[in-house]
Amino acid sequence: ELLEETLFLTVNIIDRFLARENVVRKKLQLAGVTAMLLACKYEEVSVPVVEDLILICDRAYTRADILEMERRIVNTLNFNMSVPTPYCFMRRFLKAAQSEKKLELLSFFMIELSLVEY
């Protein structure tokens, strides 16, 4: 039930964090779920609680682990959470182009596919 922009911001946070920090394989899920928490805090009206994220991770991490990773990510990114994402650009471009619904769906599908590309 999260906004689409939250997904794109989450991926952006993960990319920028991993470009600067080395993370062991065991902690990659922790970095991802923490990036989602940060993106939710920035984009969402209702933010998921940390305990829900612990359940999503099947209790692999503790509350302290998530909060420590949050501190690490925010410090590494120098508190810079506001970045333009492909979703924001596409939304504005499609509005300016006064596009049809079919083109909008195809456009958003294409930028979602680009999220997993290196």
PDB file of N, CA and C in Angstrom:
ATOM      1  N   GLU A   1       0.805  -1.197   0.000  1.00  0.00           N
ATOM      2  CA  GLU A   1       0.000   0.000   0.000  1.00  0.00           C
ATOM      3  C   GLU A   1       0.850   1.265   0.000  1.00  0.00           C
ATOM      4  N   LEU A   2       2.080   1.171  -0.468  1.00  0.00           N
ATOM      5  CA  LEU A   2       2.960   2.340  -0.494  1.00  0.00           C
ATOM      6  C   LEU A   2       2.861   3.044  -1.838  1.00  0.00           C
ATOM      7  N   LEU A   3       3.255   4.295  -1.864  1.00  0.00           N
ATOM      8  CA  LEU A   3       3.258   5.068  -3.102  1.00  0.00           C
ATOM      9  C   LEU A   3       4.344   4.573  -4.052  1.00  0.00           C
ATOM     10  N   GLU A   4       4.119   4.772  -5.338  1.00  0.00           N
ATOM     11  CA  GLU A   4       5.109   4.351  -6.330  1.00  0.00           C
ATOM     12  C   GLU A   4       6.428   5.102  -6.139  1.00  0.00           C
ATOM     13  N   GLU A   5       6.327   6.374  -5.791  1.00  0.00           N
ATOM     14  CA  GLU A   5       7.522   7.183  -5.594  1.00  0.00           C
ATOM     15  C   GLU A   5       8.406   6.610  -4.480  1.00  0.00           C
ATOM     16  N   THR A   6       7.798   5.957  -3.502  1.00  0.00           N
ATOM     17  CA  THR A   6       8.559   5.357  -2.405  1.00  0.00           C
ATOM     18  C   THR A   6       9.480   4.258  -2.926  1.00  0.00           C
ATOM     19  N   LEU A   7       9.000   3.460  -3.868  1.00  0.00           N
ATOM     20  CA  LEU A   7       9.826   2.404  -4.463  1.00  0.00           C
ATOM     21  C   LEU A   7      11.044   2.999  -5.150  1.00  0.00           C
ATOM     22  N   PHE A   8      10.840   4.016  -5.954  1.00  0.00           N
ATOM     23  CA  PHE A   8      11.954   4.620  -6.684  1.00  0.00           C
ATOM     24  C   PHE A   8      12.943   5.301  -5.743  1.00  0.00           C
ATOM     25  N   LEU A   9      12.453   5.947  -4.709  1.00  0.00           N
ATOM     26  CA  LEU A   9      13.342   6.566  -3.738  1.00  0.00           C
ATOM     27  C   LEU A   9      14.109   5.506  -2.949  1.00  0.00           C
ATOM     28  N   THR A  10      13.453   4.397  -2.627  1.00  0.00           N
ATOM     29  CA  THR A  10      14.130   3.298  -1.925  1.00  0.00           C
ATOM     30  C   THR A  10      15.302   2.781  -2.743  1.00  0.00           C
ATOM     31  N   VAL A  11      15.064   2.515  -4.013  1.00  0.00           N
ATOM     32  CA  VAL A  11      16.127   2.007  -4.892  1.00  0.00           C
ATOM     33  C   VAL A  11      17.246   3.030  -5.015  1.00  0.00           C
ATOM     34  N   ASN A  12      16.896   4.298  -5.108  1.00  0.00           N
ATOM     35  CA  ASN A  12      17.898   5.342  -5.208  1.00  0.00           C
ATOM     36  C   ASN A  12      18.761   5.410  -3.949  1.00  0.00           C
ATOM     37  N   ILE A  13      18.130   5.304  -2.793  1.00  0.00           N
ATOM     38  CA  ILE A  13      18.877   5.325  -1.524  1.00  0.00           C
ATOM     39  C   ILE A  13      19.816   4.134  -1.448  1.00  0.00           C
ATOM     40  N   ILE A  14      19.323   2.957  -1.813  1.00  0.00           N
ATOM     41  CA  ILE A  14      20.167   1.755  -1.793  1.00  0.00           C
ATOM     42  C   ILE A  14      21.356   1.929  -2.732  1.00  0.00           C
ATOM     43  N   ASP A  15      21.108   2.401  -3.953  1.00  0.00           N
ATOM     44  CA  ASP A  15      22.191   2.580  -4.934  1.00  0.00           C
ATOM     45  C   ASP A  15      23.256   3.544  -4.433  1.00  0.00           C
ATOM     46  N   ARG A  16      22.824   4.691  -3.915  1.00  0.00           N
ATOM     47  CA  ARG A  16      23.795   5.687  -3.455  1.00  0.00           C
ATOM     48  C   ARG A  16      24.561   5.206  -2.230  1.00  0.00           C
ATOM     49  N   PHE A  17      23.877   4.483  -1.339  1.00  0.00           N
ATOM     50  CA  PHE A  17      24.544   3.969  -0.139  1.00  0.00           C
ATOM     51  C   PHE A  17      25.577   2.901  -0.505  1.00  0.00           C
ATOM     52  N   LEU A  18      25.178   1.958  -1.351  1.00  0.00           N
ATOM     53  CA  LEU A  18      26.094   0.874  -1.717  1.00  0.00           C
ATOM     54  C   LEU A  18      27.248   1.364  -2.590  1.00  0.00           C
ATOM     55  N   ALA A  19      27.080   2.498  -3.262  1.00  0.00           N
ATOM     56  CA  ALA A  19      28.181   3.063  -4.038  1.00  0.00           C
ATOM     57  C   ALA A  19      29.282   3.602  -3.129  1.00  0.00           C
ATOM     58  N   ARG A  20      28.931   3.947  -1.898  1.00  0.00           N
ATOM     59  CA  ARG A  20      29.905   4.523  -0.968  1.00  0.00           C
ATOM     60  C   ARG A  20      30.350   3.574   0.130  1.00  0.00           C
ATOM     61  N   GLU A  21      29.525   2.605   0.465  1.00  0.00           N
ATOM     62  CA  GLU A  21      29.815   1.710   1.591  1.00  0.00           C
ATOM     63  C   GLU A  21      29.813   0.255   1.136  1.00  0.00           C
ATOM     64  N   ASN A  22      30.697  -0.518   1.699  1.00  0.00           N
ATOM     65  CA  ASN A  22      30.670  -1.965   1.489  1.00  0.00           C
ATOM     66  C   ASN A  22      29.782  -2.585   2.557  1.00  0.00           C
ATOM     67  N   VAL A  23      28.890  -3.459   2.125  1.00  0.00           N
ATOM     68  CA  VAL A  23      27.975  -4.122   3.044  1.00  0.00           C
ATOM     69  C   VAL A  23      28.111  -5.624   2.830  1.00  0.00           C
ATOM     70  N   VAL A  24      28.277  -6.358   3.908  1.00  0.00           N
ATOM     71  CA  VAL A  24      28.386  -7.813   3.791  1.00  0.00           C
ATOM     72  C   VAL A  24      27.042  -8.389   3.353  1.00  0.00           C
ATOM     73  N   ARG A  25      27.089  -9.521   2.717  1.00  0.00           N
ATOM     74  CA  ARG A  25      25.884 -10.126   2.140  1.00  0.00           C
ATOM     75  C   ARG A  25      24.782 -10.330   3.181  1.00  0.00           C
ATOM     76  N   LYS A  26      25.154 -10.686   4.394  1.00  0.00           N
ATOM     77  CA  LYS A  26      24.160 -10.914   5.453  1.00  0.00           C
ATOM     78  C   LYS A  26      23.380  -9.654   5.812  1.00  0.00           C
ATOM     79  N   LYS A  27      23.954  -8.505   5.517  1.00  0.00           N
ATOM     80  CA  LYS A  27      23.329  -7.232   5.893  1.00  0.00           C
ATOM     81  C   LYS A  27      22.649  -6.525   4.720  1.00  0.00           C
ATOM     82  N   LEU A  28      22.633  -7.124   3.538  1.00  0.00           N
ATOM     83  CA  LEU A  28      22.007  -6.474   2.385  1.00  0.00           C
ATOM     84  C   LEU A  28      20.500  -6.307   2.573  1.00  0.00           C
ATOM     85  N   GLN A  29      19.851  -7.327   3.115  1.00  0.00           N
ATOM     86  CA  GLN A  29      18.409  -7.217   3.369  1.00  0.00           C
ATOM     87  C   GLN A  29      18.153  -6.113   4.391  1.00  0.00           C
ATOM     88  N   LEU A  30      18.999  -6.011   5.379  1.00  0.00           N
ATOM     89  CA  LEU A  30      18.877  -4.951   6.384  1.00  0.00           C
ATOM     90  C   LEU A  30      19.016  -3.578   5.737  1.00  0.00           C
ATOM     91  N   ALA A  31      19.982  -3.435   4.845  1.00  0.00           N
ATOM     92  CA  ALA A  31      20.162  -2.156   4.149  1.00  0.00           C
ATOM     93  C   ALA A  31      18.930  -1.828   3.301  1.00  0.00           C
ATOM     94  N   GLY A  32      18.380  -2.826   2.637  1.00  0.00           N
ATOM     95  CA  GLY A  32      17.206  -2.611   1.796  1.00  0.00           C
ATOM     96  C   GLY A  32      15.974  -2.217   2.585  1.00  0.00           C
ATOM     97  N   VAL A  33      15.710  -2.926   3.661  1.00  0.00           N
ATOM     98  CA  VAL A  33      14.519  -2.631   4.458  1.00  0.00           C
ATOM     99  C   VAL A  33      14.668  -1.288   5.170  1.00  0.00           C
ATOM    100  N   THR A  34      15.878  -0.934   5.529  1.00  0.00           N
ATOM    101  CA  THR A  34      16.114   0.360   6.158  1.00  0.00           C
ATOM    102  C   THR A  34      15.971   1.491   5.148  1.00  0.00           C
ATOM    103  N   ALA A  35      16.429   1.261   3.928  1.00  0.00           N
ATOM    104  CA  ALA A  35      16.236   2.260   2.871  1.00  0.00           C
ATOM    105  C   ALA A  35      14.746   2.471   2.605  1.00  0.00           C
ATOM    106  N   MET A  36      13.977   1.396   2.669  1.00  0.00           N
ATOM    107  CA  MET A  36      12.532   1.528   2.494  1.00  0.00           C
ATOM    108  C   MET A  36      11.927   2.343   3.640  1.00  0.00           C
ATOM    109  N   LEU A  37      12.407   2.126   4.842  1.00  0.00           N
ATOM    110  CA  LEU A  37      11.926   2.900   5.991  1.00  0.00           C
ATOM    111  C   LEU A  37      12.226   4.385   5.799  1.00  0.00           C
ATOM    112  N   LEU A  38      13.426   4.697   5.343  1.00  0.00           N
ATOM    113  CA  LEU A  38      13.793   6.093   5.113  1.00  0.00           C
ATOM    114  C   LEU A  38      12.946   6.713   3.998  1.00  0.00           C
ATOM    115  N   ALA A  39      12.721   5.969   2.921  1.00  0.00           N
ATOM    116  CA  ALA A  39      11.901   6.472   1.822  1.00  0.00           C
ATOM    117  C   ALA A  39      10.467   6.692   2.281  1.00  0.00           C
ATOM    118  N   CYS A  40       9.973   5.798   3.121  1.00  0.00           N
ATOM    119  CA  CYS A  40       8.613   5.957   3.661  1.00  0.00           C
ATOM    120  C   CYS A  40       8.516   7.206   4.520  1.00  0.00           C
ATOM    121  N   LYS A  41       9.531   7.449   5.319  1.00  0.00           N
ATOM    122  CA  LYS A  41       9.529   8.643   6.172  1.00  0.00           C
ATOM    123  C   LYS A  41       9.527   9.911   5.326  1.00  0.00           C
ATOM    124  N   TYR A  42      10.099   9.830   4.149  1.00  0.00           N
ATOM    125  CA  TYR A  42      10.176  11.001   3.283  1.00  0.00           C
ATOM    126  C   TYR A  42       8.913  11.180   2.437  1.00  0.00           C
ATOM    127  N   GLU A  43       8.328  10.079   1.966  1.00  0.00           N
ATOM    128  CA  GLU A  43       7.236  10.164   0.994  1.00  0.00           C
ATOM    129  C   GLU A  43       5.841   9.894   1.557  1.00  0.00           C
ATOM    130  N   GLU A  44       5.722   8.972   2.482  1.00  0.00           N
ATOM    131  CA  GLU A  44       4.418   8.476   2.916  1.00  0.00           C
ATOM    132  C   GLU A  44       3.789   9.338   4.005  1.00  0.00           C
ATOM    133  N   VAL A  45       2.473   9.286   4.065  1.00  0.00           N
ATOM    134  CA  VAL A  45       1.733   9.929   5.144  1.00  0.00           C
ATOM    135  C   VAL A  45       1.783   9.035   6.378  1.00  0.00           C
ATOM    136  N   SER A  46       1.585   7.745   6.161  1.00  0.00           N
ATOM    137  CA  SER A  46       1.609   6.769   7.246  1.00  0.00           C
ATOM    138  C   SER A  46       2.840   5.875   7.085  1.00  0.00           C
ATOM    139  N   VAL A  47       3.763   5.991   8.019  1.00  0.00           N
ATOM    140  CA  VAL A  47       5.027   5.252   7.947  1.00  0.00           C
ATOM    141  C   VAL A  47       4.894   3.912   8.667  1.00  0.00           C
ATOM    142  N   PRO A  48       5.380   2.808   8.053  1.00  0.00           N
ATOM    143  CA  PRO A  48       5.339   1.529   8.763  1.00  0.00           C
ATOM    144  C   PRO A  48       6.238   1.568  10.000  1.00  0.00           C
ATOM    145  N   VAL A  49       5.822   0.869  11.030  1.00  0.00           N
ATOM    146  CA  VAL A  49       6.614   0.835  12.260  1.00  0.00           C
ATOM    147  C   VAL A  49       7.761  -0.157  12.108  1.00  0.00           C
ATOM    148  N   VAL A  50       8.802   0.043  12.872  1.00  0.00           N
ATOM    149  CA  VAL A  50      10.000  -0.784  12.779  1.00  0.00           C
ATOM    150  C   VAL A  50       9.674  -2.251  13.048  1.00  0.00           C
ATOM    151  N   GLU A  51       8.745  -2.507  13.943  1.00  0.00           N
ATOM    152  CA  GLU A  51       8.379  -3.888  14.272  1.00  0.00           C
ATOM    153  C   GLU A  51       7.811  -4.613  13.047  1.00  0.00           C
ATOM    154  N   ASP A  52       7.080  -3.898  12.194  1.00  0.00           N
ATOM    155  CA  ASP A  52       6.573  -4.506  10.958  1.00  0.00           C
ATOM    156  C   ASP A  52       7.725  -4.882  10.033  1.00  0.00           C
ATOM    157  N   LEU A  53       8.735  -4.056   9.978  1.00  0.00           N
ATOM    158  CA  LEU A  53       9.895  -4.347   9.137  1.00  0.00           C
ATOM    159  C   LEU A  53      10.670  -5.547   9.677  1.00  0.00           C
ATOM    160  N   ILE A  54      10.713  -5.671  10.992  1.00  0.00           N
ATOM    161  CA  ILE A  54      11.364  -6.841  11.598  1.00  0.00           C
ATOM    162  C   ILE A  54      10.628  -8.112  11.189  1.00  0.00           C
ATOM    163  N   LEU A  55       9.304  -8.071  11.175  1.00  0.00           N
ATOM    164  CA  LEU A  55       8.517  -9.234  10.748  1.00  0.00           C
ATOM    165  C   LEU A  55       8.725  -9.532   9.271  1.00  0.00           C
ATOM    166  N   ILE A  56       8.836  -8.494   8.447  1.00  0.00           N
ATOM    167  CA  ILE A  56       9.102  -8.696   7.017  1.00  0.00           C
ATOM    168  C   ILE A  56      10.422  -9.436   6.828  1.00  0.00           C
ATOM    169  N   CYS A  57      11.392  -9.134   7.667  1.00  0.00           N
ATOM    170  CA  CYS A  57      12.713  -9.785   7.590  1.00  0.00           C
ATOM    171  C   CYS A  57      12.747 -11.119   8.316  1.00  0.00           C
ATOM    172  N   ASP A  58      11.589 -11.598   8.752  1.00  0.00           N
ATOM    173  CA  ASP A  58      11.484 -12.879   9.461  1.00  0.00           C
ATOM    174  C   ASP A  58      12.357 -12.889  10.718  1.00  0.00           C
ATOM    175  N   ARG A  59      12.356 -11.750  11.414  1.00  0.00           N
ATOM    176  CA  ARG A  59      13.090 -11.577  12.669  1.00  0.00           C
ATOM    177  C   ARG A  59      14.601 -11.827  12.544  1.00  0.00           C
ATOM    178  N   ALA A  60      15.133 -11.575  11.354  1.00  0.00           N
ATOM    179  CA  ALA A  60      16.577 -11.751  11.140  1.00  0.00           C
ATOM    180  C   ALA A  60      17.370 -10.619  11.792  1.00  0.00           C
ATOM    181  N   TYR A  61      16.709  -9.483  12.015  1.00  0.00           N
ATOM    182  CA  TYR A  61      17.374  -8.321  12.588  1.00  0.00           C
ATOM    183  C   TYR A  61      16.559  -7.785  13.759  1.00  0.00           C
ATOM    184  N   THR A  62      17.225  -7.030  14.606  1.00  0.00           N
ATOM    185  CA  THR A  62      16.554  -6.428  15.760  1.00  0.00           C
ATOM    186  C   THR A  62      16.242  -4.957  15.468  1.00  0.00           C
ATOM    187  N   ARG A  63      15.473  -4.372  16.357  1.00  0.00           N
ATOM    188  CA  ARG A  63      15.157  -2.948  16.248  1.00  0.00           C
ATOM    189  C   ARG A  63      16.447  -2.132  16.255  1.00  0.00           C
ATOM    190  N   ALA A  64      17.368  -2.504  17.118  1.00  0.00           N
ATOM    191  CA  ALA A  64      18.649  -1.788  17.211  1.00  0.00           C
ATOM    192  C   ALA A  64      19.433  -1.892  15.907  1.00  0.00           C
ATOM    193  N   ASP A  65      19.381  -3.057  15.243  1.00  0.00           N
ATOM    194  CA  ASP A  65      20.070  -3.235  13.956  1.00  0.00           C
ATOM    195  C   ASP A  65      19.512  -2.269  12.912  1.00  0.00           C
ATOM    196  N   ILE A  66      18.191  -2.176  12.849  1.00  0.00           N
ATOM    197  CA  ILE A  66      17.559  -1.310  11.857  1.00  0.00           C
ATOM    198  C   ILE A  66      17.877   0.156  12.143  1.00  0.00           C
ATOM    199  N   LEU A  67      17.798   0.557  13.390  1.00  0.00           N
ATOM    200  CA  LEU A  67      18.075   1.949  13.737  1.00  0.00           C
ATOM    201  C   LEU A  67      19.546   2.303  13.517  1.00  0.00           C
ATOM    202  N   GLU A  68      20.441   1.363  13.777  1.00  0.00           N
ATOM    203  CA  GLU A  68      21.867   1.588  13.525  1.00  0.00           C
ATOM    204  C   GLU A  68      22.129   1.716  12.022  1.00  0.00           C
ATOM    205  N   MET A  69      21.504   0.857  11.214  1.00  0.00           N
ATOM    206  CA  MET A  69      21.672   0.943   9.758  1.00  0.00           C
ATOM    207  C   MET A  69      21.072   2.241   9.231  1.00  0.00           C
ATOM    208  N   GLU A  70      19.953   2.676   9.819  1.00  0.00           N
ATOM    209  CA  GLU A  70      19.347   3.945   9.425  1.00  0.00           C
ATOM    210  C   GLU A  70      20.324   5.094   9.674  1.00  0.00           C
ATOM    211  N   ARG A  71      20.943   5.089  10.828  1.00  0.00           N
ATOM    212  CA  ARG A  71      21.937   6.118  11.159  1.00  0.00           C
ATOM    213  C   ARG A  71      23.103   6.073  10.173  1.00  0.00           C
ATOM    214  N   ARG A  72      23.541   4.875   9.856  1.00  0.00           N
ATOM    215  CA  ARG A  72      24.669   4.697   8.937  1.00  0.00           C
ATOM    216  C   ARG A  72      24.340   5.206   7.530  1.00  0.00           C
ATOM    217  N   ILE A  73      23.150   4.867   7.044  1.00  0.00           N
ATOM    218  CA  ILE A  73      22.746   5.297   5.703  1.00  0.00           C
ATOM    219  C   ILE A  73      22.615   6.810   5.645  1.00  0.00           C
ATOM    220  N   VAL A  74      21.937   7.383   6.631  1.00  0.00           N
ATOM    221  CA  VAL A  74      21.713   8.836   6.637  1.00  0.00           C
ATOM    222  C   VAL A  74      23.034   9.586   6.723  1.00  0.00           C
ATOM    223  N   ASN A  75      23.949   9.122   7.535  1.00  0.00           N
ATOM    224  CA  ASN A  75      25.257   9.777   7.638  1.00  0.00           C
ATOM    225  C   ASN A  75      26.061   9.615   6.356  1.00  0.00           C
ATOM    226  N   THR A  76      26.009   8.439   5.754  1.00  0.00           N
ATOM    227  CA  THR A  76      26.742   8.200   4.513  1.00  0.00           C
ATOM    228  C   THR A  76      26.232   9.098   3.393  1.00  0.00           C
ATOM    229  N   LEU A  77      24.913   9.303   3.347  1.00  0.00           N
ATOM    230  CA  LEU A  77      24.315  10.139   2.301  1.00  0.00           C
ATOM    231  C   LEU A  77      24.247  11.613   2.691  1.00  0.00           C
ATOM    232  N   ASN A  78      24.848  11.958   3.832  1.00  0.00           N
ATOM    233  CA  ASN A  78      24.875  13.342   4.319  1.00  0.00           C
ATOM    234  C   ASN A  78      23.471  13.942   4.418  1.00  0.00           C
ATOM    235  N   PHE A  79      22.519  13.132   4.843  1.00  0.00           N
ATOM    236  CA  PHE A  79      21.126  13.546   5.042  1.00  0.00           C
ATOM    237  C   PHE A  79      20.469  14.032   3.741  1.00  0.00           C
ATOM    238  N   ASN A  80      21.019  13.688   2.609  1.00  0.00           N
ATOM    239  CA  ASN A  80      20.468  14.108   1.321  1.00  0.00           C
ATOM    240  C   ASN A  80      19.465  13.065   0.827  1.00  0.00           C
ATOM    241  N   MET A  81      18.202  13.254   1.163  1.00  0.00           N
ATOM    242  CA  MET A  81      17.155  12.305   0.773  1.00  0.00           C
ATOM    243  C   MET A  81      16.343  12.802  -0.412  1.00  0.00           C
ATOM    244  N   SER A  82      16.457  14.069  -0.718  1.00  0.00           N
ATOM    245  CA  SER A  82      15.645  14.659  -1.779  1.00  0.00           C
ATOM    246  C   SER A  82      16.380  14.567  -3.106  1.00  0.00           C
ATOM    247  N   VAL A  83      15.981  13.634  -3.930  1.00  0.00           N
ATOM    248  CA  VAL A  83      16.598  13.456  -5.240  1.00  0.00           C
ATOM    249  C   VAL A  83      15.509  13.266  -6.292  1.00  0.00           C
ATOM    250  N   PRO A  84      15.771  13.724  -7.508  1.00  0.00           N
ATOM    251  CA  PRO A  84      14.794  13.464  -8.563  1.00  0.00           C
ATOM    252  C   PRO A  84      14.849  11.990  -8.956  1.00  0.00           C
ATOM    253  N   THR A  85      13.701  11.401  -9.162  1.00  0.00           N
ATOM    254  CA  THR A  85      13.630   9.998  -9.557  1.00  0.00           C
ATOM    255  C   THR A  85      12.988   9.903 -10.932  1.00  0.00           C
ATOM    256  N   PRO A  86      13.182   8.797 -11.628  1.00  0.00           N
ATOM    257  CA  PRO A  86      12.541   8.627 -12.938  1.00  0.00           C
ATOM    258  C   PRO A  86      11.018   8.732 -12.853  1.00  0.00           C
ATOM    259  N   TYR A  87      10.445   8.297 -11.755  1.00  0.00           N
ATOM    260  CA  TYR A  87       8.994   8.352 -11.607  1.00  0.00           C
ATOM    261  C   TYR A  87       8.501   9.804 -11.611  1.00  0.00           C
ATOM    262  N   CYS A  88       9.182  10.652 -10.873  1.00  0.00           N
ATOM    263  CA  CYS A  88       8.804  12.069 -10.810  1.00  0.00           C
ATOM    264  C   CYS A  88       8.924  12.704 -12.197  1.00  0.00           C
ATOM    265  N   PHE A  89      10.028  12.430 -12.889  1.00  0.00           N
ATOM    266  CA  PHE A  89      10.221  12.971 -14.227  1.00  0.00           C
ATOM    267  C   PHE A  89       9.129  12.477 -15.179  1.00  0.00           C
ATOM    268  N   MET A  90       8.845  11.178 -15.152  1.00  0.00           N
ATOM    269  CA  MET A  90       7.868  10.607 -16.072  1.00  0.00           C
ATOM    270  C   MET A  90       6.468  11.172 -15.818  1.00  0.00           C
ATOM    271  N   ARG A  91       6.129  11.331 -14.563  1.00  0.00           N
ATOM    272  CA  ARG A  91       4.821  11.880 -14.226  1.00  0.00           C
ATOM    273  C   ARG A  91       4.660  13.291 -14.793  1.00  0.00           C
ATOM    274  N   ARG A  92       5.684  14.113 -14.647  1.00  0.00           N
ATOM    275  CA  ARG A  92       5.627  15.482 -15.161  1.00  0.00           C
ATOM    276  C   ARG A  92       5.630  15.503 -16.690  1.00  0.00           C
ATOM    277  N   PHE A  93       6.447  14.645 -17.289  1.00  0.00           N
ATOM    278  CA  PHE A  93       6.520  14.593 -18.751  1.00  0.00           C
ATOM    279  C   PHE A  93       5.182  14.162 -19.351  1.00  0.00           C
ATOM    280  N   LEU A  94       4.575  13.123 -18.777  1.00  0.00           N
ATOM    281  CA  LEU A  94       3.294  12.635 -19.299  1.00  0.00           C
ATOM    282  C   LEU A  94       2.186  13.669 -19.116  1.00  0.00           C
ATOM    283  N   LYS A  95       2.239  14.411 -18.036  1.00  0.00           N
ATOM    284  CA  LYS A  95       1.243  15.457 -17.812  1.00  0.00           C
ATOM    285  C   LYS A  95       1.400  16.570 -18.851  1.00  0.00           C
ATOM    286  N   ALA A  96       2.650  16.962 -19.110  1.00  0.00           N
ATOM    287  CA  ALA A  96       2.908  18.006 -20.099  1.00  0.00           C
ATOM    288  C   ALA A  96       2.518  17.544 -21.503  1.00  0.00           C
ATOM    289  N   ALA A  97       2.692  16.246 -21.780  1.00  0.00           N
ATOM    290  CA  ALA A  97       2.363  15.701 -23.094  1.00  0.00           C
ATOM    291  C   ALA A  97       0.873  15.411 -23.243  1.00  0.00           C
ATOM    292  N   GLN A  98       0.130  15.528 -22.158  1.00  0.00           N
ATOM    293  CA  GLN A  98      -1.301  15.214 -22.149  1.00  0.00           C
ATOM    294  C   GLN A  98      -1.542  13.831 -22.772  1.00  0.00           C
ATOM    295  N   SER A  99      -0.834  12.874 -22.234  1.00  0.00           N
ATOM    296  CA  SER A  99      -0.837  11.522 -22.803  1.00  0.00           C
ATOM    297  C   SER A  99      -2.098  10.739 -22.456  1.00  0.00           C
ATOM    298  N   GLU A 100      -2.294   9.665 -23.222  1.00  0.00           N
ATOM    299  CA  GLU A 100      -3.402   8.743 -22.965  1.00  0.00           C
ATOM    300  C   GLU A 100      -3.018   7.793 -21.836  1.00  0.00           C
ATOM    301  N   LYS A 101      -4.018   7.167 -21.265  1.00  0.00           N
ATOM    302  CA  LYS A 101      -3.802   6.232 -20.154  1.00  0.00           C
ATOM    303  C   LYS A 101      -2.919   5.059 -20.574  1.00  0.00           C
ATOM    304  N   LYS A 102      -3.107   4.559 -21.796  1.00  0.00           N
ATOM    305  CA  LYS A 102      -2.328   3.421 -22.284  1.00  0.00           C
ATOM    306  C   LYS A 102      -0.833   3.757 -22.325  1.00  0.00           C
ATOM    307  N   LEU A 103      -0.508   4.954 -22.791  1.00  0.00           N
ATOM    308  CA  LEU A 103       0.884   5.392 -22.839  1.00  0.00           C
ATOM    309  C   LEU A 103       1.444   5.562 -21.432  1.00  0.00           C
ATOM    310  N   GLU A 104       0.641   6.066 -20.518  1.00  0.00           N
ATOM    311  CA  GLU A 104       1.084   6.213 -19.132  1.00  0.00           C
ATOM    312  C   GLU A 104       1.434   4.865 -18.517  1.00  0.00           C
ATOM    313  N   LEU A 105       0.564   3.892 -18.704  1.00  0.00           N
ATOM    314  CA  LEU A 105       0.816   2.559 -18.146  1.00  0.00           C
ATOM    315  C   LEU A 105       2.082   1.951 -18.725  1.00  0.00           C
ATOM    316  N   LEU A 106       2.271   2.075 -20.037  1.00  0.00           N
ATOM    317  CA  LEU A 106       3.468   1.541 -20.676  1.00  0.00           C
ATOM    318  C   LEU A 106       4.715   2.263 -20.172  1.00  0.00           C
ATOM    319  N   SER A 107       4.635   3.572 -20.021  1.00  0.00           N
ATOM    320  CA  SER A 107       5.783   4.358 -19.555  1.00  0.00           C
ATOM    321  C   SER A 107       6.197   3.963 -18.142  1.00  0.00           C
ATOM    322  N   PHE A 108       5.225   3.840 -17.252  1.00  0.00           N
ATOM    323  CA  PHE A 108       5.544   3.454 -15.877  1.00  0.00           C
ATOM    324  C   PHE A 108       6.052   2.016 -15.804  1.00  0.00           C
ATOM    325  N   PHE A 109       5.548   1.161 -16.669  1.00  0.00           N
ATOM    326  CA  PHE A 109       6.055  -0.212 -16.737  1.00  0.00           C
ATOM    327  C   PHE A 109       7.528  -0.207 -17.141  1.00  0.00           C
ATOM    328  N   MET A 110       7.859   0.604 -18.129  1.00  0.00           N
ATOM    329  CA  MET A 110       9.245   0.655 -18.609  1.00  0.00           C
ATOM    330  C   MET A 110      10.203   1.193 -17.535  1.00  0.00           C
ATOM    331  N   ILE A 111       9.791   2.231 -16.823  1.00  0.00           N
ATOM    332  CA  ILE A 111      10.726   2.753 -15.804  1.00  0.00           C
ATOM    333  C   ILE A 111      10.821   1.808 -14.611  1.00  0.00           C
ATOM    334  N   GLU A 112       9.760   1.044 -14.337  1.00  0.00           N
ATOM    335  CA  GLU A 112       9.870   0.032 -13.283  1.00  0.00           C
ATOM    336  C   GLU A 112      10.823  -1.088 -13.697  1.00  0.00           C
ATOM    337  N   LEU A 113      10.827  -1.456 -14.972  1.00  0.00           N
ATOM    338  CA  LEU A 113      11.782  -2.448 -15.458  1.00  0.00           C
ATOM    339  C   LEU A 113      13.211  -1.950 -15.322  1.00  0.00           C
ATOM    340  N   SER A 114      13.396  -0.656 -15.479  1.00  0.00           N
ATOM    341  CA  SER A 114      14.752  -0.099 -15.404  1.00  0.00           C
ATOM    342  C   SER A 114      15.299  -0.113 -13.979  1.00  0.00           C
ATOM    343  N   LEU A 115      14.462  -0.302 -12.990  1.00  0.00           N
ATOM    344  CA  LEU A 115      14.940  -0.319 -11.596  1.00  0.00           C
ATOM    345  C   LEU A 115      15.926  -1.454 -11.329  1.00  0.00           C
ATOM    346  N   VAL A 116      15.751  -2.566 -12.004  1.00  0.00           N
ATOM    347  CA  VAL A 116      16.602  -3.728 -11.735  1.00  0.00           C
ATOM    348  C   VAL A 116      17.817  -3.779 -12.648  1.00  0.00           C
ATOM    349  N   GLU A 117      17.935  -2.812 -13.563  1.00  0.00           N
ATOM    350  CA  GLU A 117      19.099  -2.771 -14.443  1.00  0.00           C
ATOM    351  C   GLU A 117      20.262  -2.109 -13.725  1.00  0.00           C
ATOM    352  N   TYR A 118      21.456  -2.554 -14.024  1.00  0.00           N
ATOM    353  CA  TYR A 118      22.644  -2.055 -13.345  1.00  0.00           C
ATOM    354  C   TYR A 118      23.007  -0.685 -13.857  1.00  0.00           C
TER     355      TYR A 118
END
